[in-house]
Amino acid sequence: MMPKTYELTVPADVDRLHDVLAFVDDLLEQHDFPMKAQTQIDIALEELFVNIAQYAYPDITGEATIRVCVSCEYAEISLIDSGIPYDPLAKPDPDITLSAQERPIGGLGIFMTKKLMDDISYEYKDGKNILTIKKCFH
C-alpha cells in the first residue's frame, strides 16, 4: 500500500497544539498505529510544535504546517514553518550526566525527541524550516 500524505496548517500558536495532536492522532489511529508509538510521537510533536510557536516568529504569529505521511510500516511527520532559519539538530546533545543545576538550559526536548524517534532530519529549503520525524510501526 502506498503511503498517504495529509496536511494541516495552523497558526504557530501554543493554543493550537491540541488541534495538531488531534489531527495526527486521528490519522495514526486510522492506520492502527500502536499506542506506545503514538504516545512517543505526541511527546515529540508537542516539543517541536511549541518550539516553533515560541521561537520561529519573534514579532508575529506565523503559520506551521504539519505534513503526515503514514503507511502500514511507519509514520513520517514534517513540521514546516517560514520563521527564523534554525536547525535544532546542529546543537550538541546535552550532557545528561550533569545535574540539572550544572546543565545549561535548553536542548533536552530535542534530545528526548531524537531518543523517541527512529529518525529525525532537518533542512532549510525555499525559505522554510522543515523538521521531519519518523517512527516505524513496531
N, C-alpha and C. Protein backbone atom coordinates (compact mmCIF):
# COMPACT_ATOMS: atom_id res chain seq x y z
N MET A 1 0.84 -1.19 0.00
CA MET A 1 0.00 0.00 0.00
C MET A 1 0.89 1.25 0.00
N MET A 2 0.59 2.17 -0.88
CA MET A 2 1.34 3.42 -0.95
C MET A 2 0.99 4.29 0.26
N PRO A 3 2.02 4.94 0.84
CA PRO A 3 1.73 5.84 1.95
C PRO A 3 0.88 7.02 1.49
N LYS A 4 0.02 7.48 2.35
CA LYS A 4 -0.81 8.64 2.05
C LYS A 4 -0.27 9.83 2.82
N THR A 5 -0.41 11.01 2.22
CA THR A 5 0.08 12.23 2.86
C THR A 5 -1.10 13.15 3.16
N TYR A 6 -1.08 13.70 4.37
CA TYR A 6 -2.12 14.61 4.83
C TYR A 6 -1.45 15.86 5.37
N GLU A 7 -2.14 17.00 5.28
CA GLU A 7 -1.56 18.25 5.79
C GLU A 7 -2.57 19.04 6.59
N LEU A 8 -2.04 19.73 7.59
CA LEU A 8 -2.81 20.66 8.40
C LEU A 8 -1.94 21.90 8.58
N THR A 9 -2.50 23.08 8.28
CA THR A 9 -1.79 24.33 8.52
C THR A 9 -2.56 25.12 9.57
N VAL A 10 -1.84 25.53 10.61
CA VAL A 10 -2.45 26.27 11.72
C VAL A 10 -1.55 27.46 12.08
N PRO A 11 -2.12 28.45 12.78
CA PRO A 11 -1.25 29.49 13.32
C PRO A 11 -0.23 28.84 14.28
N ALA A 12 1.01 29.32 14.23
CA ALA A 12 2.05 28.77 15.12
C ALA A 12 1.86 29.39 16.50
N ASP A 13 0.88 28.87 17.19
CA ASP A 13 0.48 29.38 18.49
C ASP A 13 0.29 28.18 19.42
N VAL A 14 0.84 28.26 20.62
CA VAL A 14 0.76 27.15 21.58
C VAL A 14 -0.69 26.69 21.78
N ASP A 15 -1.63 27.63 21.69
CA ASP A 15 -3.05 27.28 21.86
C ASP A 15 -3.56 26.33 20.78
N ARG A 16 -2.82 26.17 19.69
CA ARG A 16 -3.25 25.28 18.61
C ARG A 16 -2.63 23.88 18.71
N LEU A 17 -1.82 23.64 19.75
CA LEU A 17 -1.20 22.33 19.93
C LEU A 17 -2.24 21.22 19.96
N HIS A 18 -3.34 21.45 20.64
CA HIS A 18 -4.39 20.43 20.73
C HIS A 18 -4.88 20.03 19.33
N ASP A 19 -5.04 21.02 18.44
CA ASP A 19 -5.50 20.73 17.07
C ASP A 19 -4.49 19.86 16.33
N VAL A 20 -3.21 20.18 16.51
CA VAL A 20 -2.14 19.43 15.85
C VAL A 20 -2.13 17.98 16.34
N LEU A 21 -2.18 17.80 17.66
CA LEU A 21 -2.16 16.44 18.22
C LEU A 21 -3.40 15.65 17.80
N ALA A 22 -4.56 16.29 17.80
CA ALA A 22 -5.80 15.60 17.41
C ALA A 22 -5.73 15.16 15.95
N PHE A 23 -5.21 16.03 15.08
CA PHE A 23 -5.07 15.71 13.66
C PHE A 23 -4.17 14.50 13.46
N VAL A 24 -3.00 14.51 14.08
CA VAL A 24 -2.03 13.42 13.92
C VAL A 24 -2.56 12.14 14.56
N ASP A 25 -3.08 12.24 15.78
CA ASP A 25 -3.58 11.05 16.47
C ASP A 25 -4.69 10.37 15.68
N ASP A 26 -5.58 11.17 15.09
CA ASP A 26 -6.67 10.61 14.30
C ASP A 26 -6.12 9.79 13.13
N LEU A 27 -5.11 10.33 12.45
CA LEU A 27 -4.51 9.60 11.32
C LEU A 27 -3.81 8.33 11.78
N LEU A 28 -3.08 8.42 12.90
CA LEU A 28 -2.39 7.24 13.41
C LEU A 28 -3.38 6.15 13.81
N GLU A 29 -4.47 6.55 14.44
CA GLU A 29 -5.49 5.57 14.85
C GLU A 29 -6.13 4.91 13.63
N GLN A 30 -6.38 5.69 12.58
CA GLN A 30 -6.95 5.12 11.35
C GLN A 30 -6.05 4.05 10.75
N HIS A 31 -4.75 4.16 10.99
CA HIS A 31 -3.79 3.21 10.44
C HIS A 31 -3.34 2.18 11.49
N ASP A 32 -4.10 2.09 12.58
CA ASP A 32 -3.83 1.10 13.64
C ASP A 32 -2.41 1.18 14.18
N PHE A 33 -1.90 2.41 14.30
CA PHE A 33 -0.56 2.60 14.86
C PHE A 33 -0.59 2.21 16.33
N PRO A 34 0.43 1.51 16.85
CA PRO A 34 0.44 1.10 18.25
C PRO A 34 0.39 2.31 19.19
N MET A 35 -0.31 2.17 20.30
CA MET A 35 -0.49 3.27 21.24
C MET A 35 0.84 3.79 21.78
N LYS A 36 1.78 2.89 22.06
CA LYS A 36 3.08 3.32 22.59
C LYS A 36 3.78 4.24 21.59
N ALA A 37 3.80 3.85 20.34
CA ALA A 37 4.44 4.67 19.30
C ALA A 37 3.70 6.00 19.13
N GLN A 38 2.38 5.95 19.21
CA GLN A 38 1.57 7.16 19.09
C GLN A 38 1.89 8.13 20.23
N THR A 39 2.03 7.62 21.43
CA THR A 39 2.37 8.46 22.59
C THR A 39 3.75 9.09 22.41
N GLN A 40 4.70 8.31 21.90
CA GLN A 40 6.04 8.84 21.67
C GLN A 40 6.01 9.95 20.60
N ILE A 41 5.22 9.76 19.57
CA ILE A 41 5.07 10.78 18.54
C ILE A 41 4.45 12.04 19.14
N ASP A 42 3.43 11.87 19.98
CA ASP A 42 2.78 13.03 20.63
C ASP A 42 3.78 13.83 21.46
N ILE A 43 4.63 13.15 22.20
CA ILE A 43 5.64 13.84 23.04
C ILE A 43 6.57 14.65 22.14
N ALA A 44 7.05 14.03 21.07
CA ALA A 44 7.96 14.71 20.14
C ALA A 44 7.26 15.89 19.46
N LEU A 45 6.02 15.66 19.00
CA LEU A 45 5.26 16.73 18.33
C LEU A 45 5.04 17.92 19.25
N GLU A 46 4.69 17.65 20.49
CA GLU A 46 4.46 18.73 21.44
C GLU A 46 5.72 19.57 21.58
N GLU A 47 6.85 18.93 21.76
CA GLU A 47 8.13 19.64 21.91
C GLU A 47 8.42 20.49 20.67
N LEU A 48 8.30 19.89 19.50
CA LEU A 48 8.67 20.57 18.27
C LEU A 48 7.71 21.70 17.92
N PHE A 49 6.40 21.46 18.07
CA PHE A 49 5.42 22.50 17.74
C PHE A 49 5.53 23.69 18.69
N VAL A 50 5.69 23.42 19.98
CA VAL A 50 5.83 24.50 20.96
C VAL A 50 7.08 25.33 20.66
N ASN A 51 8.17 24.67 20.25
CA ASN A 51 9.38 25.41 19.87
C ASN A 51 9.11 26.35 18.70
N ILE A 52 8.38 25.87 17.70
CA ILE A 52 8.04 26.74 16.56
C ILE A 52 7.19 27.91 17.05
N ALA A 53 6.17 27.60 17.87
CA ALA A 53 5.26 28.64 18.37
C ALA A 53 6.01 29.70 19.18
N GLN A 54 7.00 29.28 19.95
CA GLN A 54 7.69 30.22 20.83
C GLN A 54 8.85 30.96 20.17
N TYR A 55 9.50 30.33 19.18
CA TYR A 55 10.76 30.91 18.69
C TYR A 55 10.82 31.25 17.20
N ALA A 56 10.00 30.62 16.36
CA ALA A 56 10.16 30.80 14.91
C ALA A 56 9.81 32.21 14.44
N TYR A 57 8.80 32.80 15.06
CA TYR A 57 8.29 34.10 14.62
C TYR A 57 8.32 35.07 15.80
N PRO A 58 9.43 35.80 15.99
CA PRO A 58 9.55 36.64 17.20
C PRO A 58 8.51 37.77 17.30
N ASP A 59 8.12 38.36 16.17
CA ASP A 59 7.27 39.56 16.24
C ASP A 59 5.85 39.35 15.74
N ILE A 60 5.58 38.19 15.17
CA ILE A 60 4.25 37.92 14.61
C ILE A 60 3.87 36.47 14.94
N THR A 61 2.62 36.14 14.69
CA THR A 61 2.22 34.74 14.74
C THR A 61 2.19 34.25 13.30
N GLY A 62 3.15 33.43 12.95
CA GLY A 62 3.19 32.88 11.60
C GLY A 62 2.41 31.58 11.55
N GLU A 63 2.65 30.81 10.53
CA GLU A 63 1.95 29.54 10.38
C GLU A 63 2.91 28.36 10.48
N ALA A 64 2.34 27.23 10.85
CA ALA A 64 3.08 25.97 10.84
C ALA A 64 2.24 24.95 10.09
N THR A 65 2.88 24.20 9.23
CA THR A 65 2.21 23.13 8.51
C THR A 65 2.72 21.80 9.04
N ILE A 66 1.77 20.93 9.32
CA ILE A 66 2.09 19.58 9.78
C ILE A 66 1.76 18.66 8.61
N ARG A 67 2.79 18.01 8.06
CA ARG A 67 2.59 17.08 6.94
C ARG A 67 2.83 15.67 7.46
N VAL A 68 1.82 14.84 7.33
CA VAL A 68 1.89 13.48 7.85
C VAL A 68 1.83 12.49 6.68
N CYS A 69 2.83 11.65 6.61
CA CYS A 69 2.85 10.56 5.63
C CYS A 69 2.81 9.27 6.44
N VAL A 70 1.75 8.52 6.26
CA VAL A 70 1.58 7.33 7.09
C VAL A 70 1.29 6.10 6.22
N SER A 71 1.93 5.00 6.58
CA SER A 71 1.72 3.74 5.87
C SER A 71 1.51 2.66 6.93
N CYS A 72 1.44 1.43 6.48
CA CYS A 72 1.30 0.33 7.44
C CYS A 72 2.64 0.01 8.11
N GLU A 73 3.72 0.68 7.71
CA GLU A 73 5.04 0.41 8.27
C GLU A 73 5.61 1.55 9.11
N TYR A 74 5.21 2.79 8.83
CA TYR A 74 5.80 3.92 9.54
C TYR A 74 4.91 5.16 9.45
N ALA A 75 5.23 6.13 10.28
CA ALA A 75 4.65 7.47 10.18
C ALA A 75 5.81 8.44 10.06
N GLU A 76 5.72 9.34 9.09
CA GLU A 76 6.73 10.38 8.91
C GLU A 76 6.00 11.71 9.00
N ILE A 77 6.45 12.55 9.92
CA ILE A 77 5.75 13.80 10.18
C ILE A 77 6.74 14.95 10.01
N SER A 78 6.39 15.89 9.14
CA SER A 78 7.21 17.07 8.93
C SER A 78 6.51 18.29 9.51
N LEU A 79 7.28 19.09 10.24
CA LEU A 79 6.79 20.37 10.74
C LEU A 79 7.49 21.43 9.90
N ILE A 80 6.69 22.26 9.25
CA ILE A 80 7.21 23.23 8.29
C ILE A 80 6.79 24.63 8.71
N ASP A 81 7.78 25.54 8.77
CA ASP A 81 7.46 26.93 9.10
C ASP A 81 8.35 27.85 8.28
N SER A 82 7.92 29.11 8.17
CA SER A 82 8.68 30.12 7.42
C SER A 82 9.38 31.08 8.36
N GLY A 83 9.60 30.65 9.58
CA GLY A 83 10.22 31.50 10.59
C GLY A 83 11.72 31.59 10.43
N ILE A 84 12.37 32.04 11.49
CA ILE A 84 13.83 32.19 11.51
C ILE A 84 14.47 30.83 11.18
N PRO A 85 15.43 30.80 10.25
CA PRO A 85 16.11 29.53 9.97
C PRO A 85 16.79 29.01 11.25
N TYR A 86 16.48 27.76 11.60
CA TYR A 86 17.05 27.19 12.81
C TYR A 86 17.09 25.68 12.70
N ASP A 87 18.28 25.13 12.84
CA ASP A 87 18.46 23.68 12.81
C ASP A 87 18.69 23.19 14.24
N PRO A 88 17.66 22.63 14.87
CA PRO A 88 17.83 22.16 16.24
C PRO A 88 18.77 20.96 16.36
N LEU A 89 19.05 20.30 15.25
CA LEU A 89 19.94 19.14 15.28
C LEU A 89 21.41 19.55 15.26
N ALA A 90 21.69 20.83 14.99
CA ALA A 90 23.07 21.29 14.91
C ALA A 90 23.72 21.42 16.29
N LYS A 91 22.90 21.62 17.32
CA LYS A 91 23.45 21.74 18.68
C LYS A 91 23.88 20.37 19.19
N PRO A 92 25.00 20.32 19.95
CA PRO A 92 25.37 19.04 20.55
C PRO A 92 24.33 18.61 21.60
N ASP A 93 24.22 17.32 21.80
CA ASP A 93 23.30 16.82 22.82
C ASP A 93 23.74 17.30 24.19
N PRO A 94 22.79 17.56 25.10
CA PRO A 94 23.17 17.97 26.45
C PRO A 94 23.89 16.85 27.19
N ASP A 95 24.73 17.24 28.12
CA ASP A 95 25.43 16.26 28.96
C ASP A 95 24.49 15.86 30.09
N ILE A 96 23.81 14.73 29.90
CA ILE A 96 22.81 14.33 30.89
C ILE A 96 23.44 13.71 32.14
N THR A 97 24.77 13.61 32.16
CA THR A 97 25.43 13.13 33.38
C THR A 97 25.54 14.27 34.40
N LEU A 98 25.39 15.51 33.94
CA LEU A 98 25.44 16.65 34.86
C LEU A 98 24.10 16.80 35.58
N SER A 99 24.13 17.40 36.75
CA SER A 99 22.88 17.67 37.47
C SER A 99 22.12 18.78 36.74
N ALA A 100 20.84 18.91 37.03
CA ALA A 100 20.02 19.95 36.40
C ALA A 100 20.60 21.33 36.66
N GLN A 101 21.19 21.54 37.82
CA GLN A 101 21.76 22.85 38.15
C GLN A 101 23.02 23.14 37.32
N GLU A 102 23.76 22.09 36.98
CA GLU A 102 25.02 22.27 36.24
C GLU A 102 24.81 22.37 34.73
N ARG A 103 23.70 21.84 34.26
CA ARG A 103 23.43 21.79 32.82
C ARG A 103 22.94 23.13 32.31
N PRO A 104 23.42 23.56 31.13
CA PRO A 104 22.84 24.77 30.54
C PRO A 104 21.37 24.51 30.16
N ILE A 105 20.57 25.56 30.17
CA ILE A 105 19.16 25.43 29.83
C ILE A 105 19.02 25.18 28.33
N GLY A 106 18.08 24.33 27.98
CA GLY A 106 17.78 24.08 26.57
C GLY A 106 18.40 22.80 26.07
N GLY A 107 17.81 22.28 25.00
CA GLY A 107 18.36 21.11 24.33
C GLY A 107 17.80 19.77 24.77
N LEU A 108 17.14 19.73 25.94
CA LEU A 108 16.63 18.43 26.41
C LEU A 108 15.47 17.92 25.56
N GLY A 109 14.62 18.83 25.11
CA GLY A 109 13.46 18.42 24.31
C GLY A 109 13.86 17.77 23.01
N ILE A 110 14.81 18.37 22.30
CA ILE A 110 15.23 17.80 21.02
C ILE A 110 16.02 16.50 21.28
N PHE A 111 16.75 16.44 22.37
CA PHE A 111 17.47 15.22 22.76
C PHE A 111 16.47 14.09 22.99
N MET A 112 15.40 14.39 23.73
CA MET A 112 14.36 13.40 24.00
C MET A 112 13.69 12.96 22.69
N THR A 113 13.44 13.91 21.80
CA THR A 113 12.83 13.60 20.52
C THR A 113 13.70 12.64 19.71
N LYS A 114 15.02 12.90 19.71
CA LYS A 114 15.96 12.01 19.00
C LYS A 114 15.88 10.59 19.56
N LYS A 115 15.76 10.47 20.88
CA LYS A 115 15.72 9.16 21.52
C LYS A 115 14.41 8.41 21.22
N LEU A 116 13.30 9.15 21.12
CA LEU A 116 11.99 8.54 20.93
C LEU A 116 11.71 8.14 19.47
N MET A 117 12.29 8.87 18.53
CA MET A 117 12.00 8.63 17.11
C MET A 117 13.05 7.70 16.49
N ASP A 118 12.67 7.05 15.40
CA ASP A 118 13.60 6.19 14.67
C ASP A 118 14.51 7.01 13.76
N ASP A 119 14.02 8.18 13.35
CA ASP A 119 14.84 9.05 12.50
C ASP A 119 14.35 10.48 12.68
N ILE A 120 15.28 11.42 12.53
CA ILE A 120 14.93 12.85 12.59
C ILE A 120 15.89 13.58 11.66
N SER A 121 15.34 14.51 10.87
CA SER A 121 16.18 15.26 9.94
C SER A 121 15.67 16.70 9.83
N TYR A 122 16.56 17.58 9.38
CA TYR A 122 16.22 18.99 9.22
C TYR A 122 16.76 19.46 7.88
N GLU A 123 15.98 20.31 7.21
CA GLU A 123 16.50 21.02 6.06
C GLU A 123 15.86 22.40 5.99
N TYR A 124 16.59 23.33 5.39
CA TYR A 124 16.05 24.67 5.14
C TYR A 124 15.95 24.78 3.63
N LYS A 125 14.73 24.91 3.13
CA LYS A 125 14.51 24.86 1.68
C LYS A 125 13.42 25.86 1.30
N ASP A 126 13.68 26.65 0.28
CA ASP A 126 12.71 27.62 -0.23
C ASP A 126 12.17 28.53 0.87
N GLY A 127 13.07 28.96 1.78
CA GLY A 127 12.66 29.87 2.85
C GLY A 127 11.88 29.20 3.98
N LYS A 128 11.96 27.89 4.06
CA LYS A 128 11.19 27.17 5.09
C LYS A 128 12.09 26.22 5.89
N ASN A 129 11.82 26.18 7.20
CA ASN A 129 12.39 25.15 8.07
C ASN A 129 11.54 23.90 7.89
N ILE A 130 12.18 22.77 7.67
CA ILE A 130 11.45 21.51 7.55
C ILE A 130 12.12 20.50 8.47
N LEU A 131 11.45 20.19 9.57
CA LEU A 131 11.96 19.22 10.53
C LEU A 131 11.08 17.98 10.41
N THR A 132 11.70 16.84 10.14
CA THR A 132 10.94 15.61 9.88
C THR A 132 11.32 14.54 10.90
N ILE A 133 10.29 13.95 11.50
CA ILE A 133 10.49 12.83 12.41
C ILE A 133 9.84 11.59 11.80
N LYS A 134 10.43 10.45 12.11
CA LYS A 134 9.90 9.19 11.58
C LYS A 134 9.86 8.16 12.70
N LYS A 135 8.73 7.46 12.77
CA LYS A 135 8.55 6.39 13.75
C LYS A 135 8.07 5.16 13.00
N CYS A 136 8.82 4.07 13.13
CA CYS A 136 8.42 2.83 12.48
C CYS A 136 7.36 2.10 13.31
N PHE A 137 6.58 1.34 12.60
CA PHE A 137 5.46 0.59 13.18
C PHE A 137 6.02 -0.71 13.74
N HIS A 138 6.39 -0.68 15.03
CA HIS A 138 6.90 -1.92 15.65
C HIS A 138 6.70 -1.86 17.14
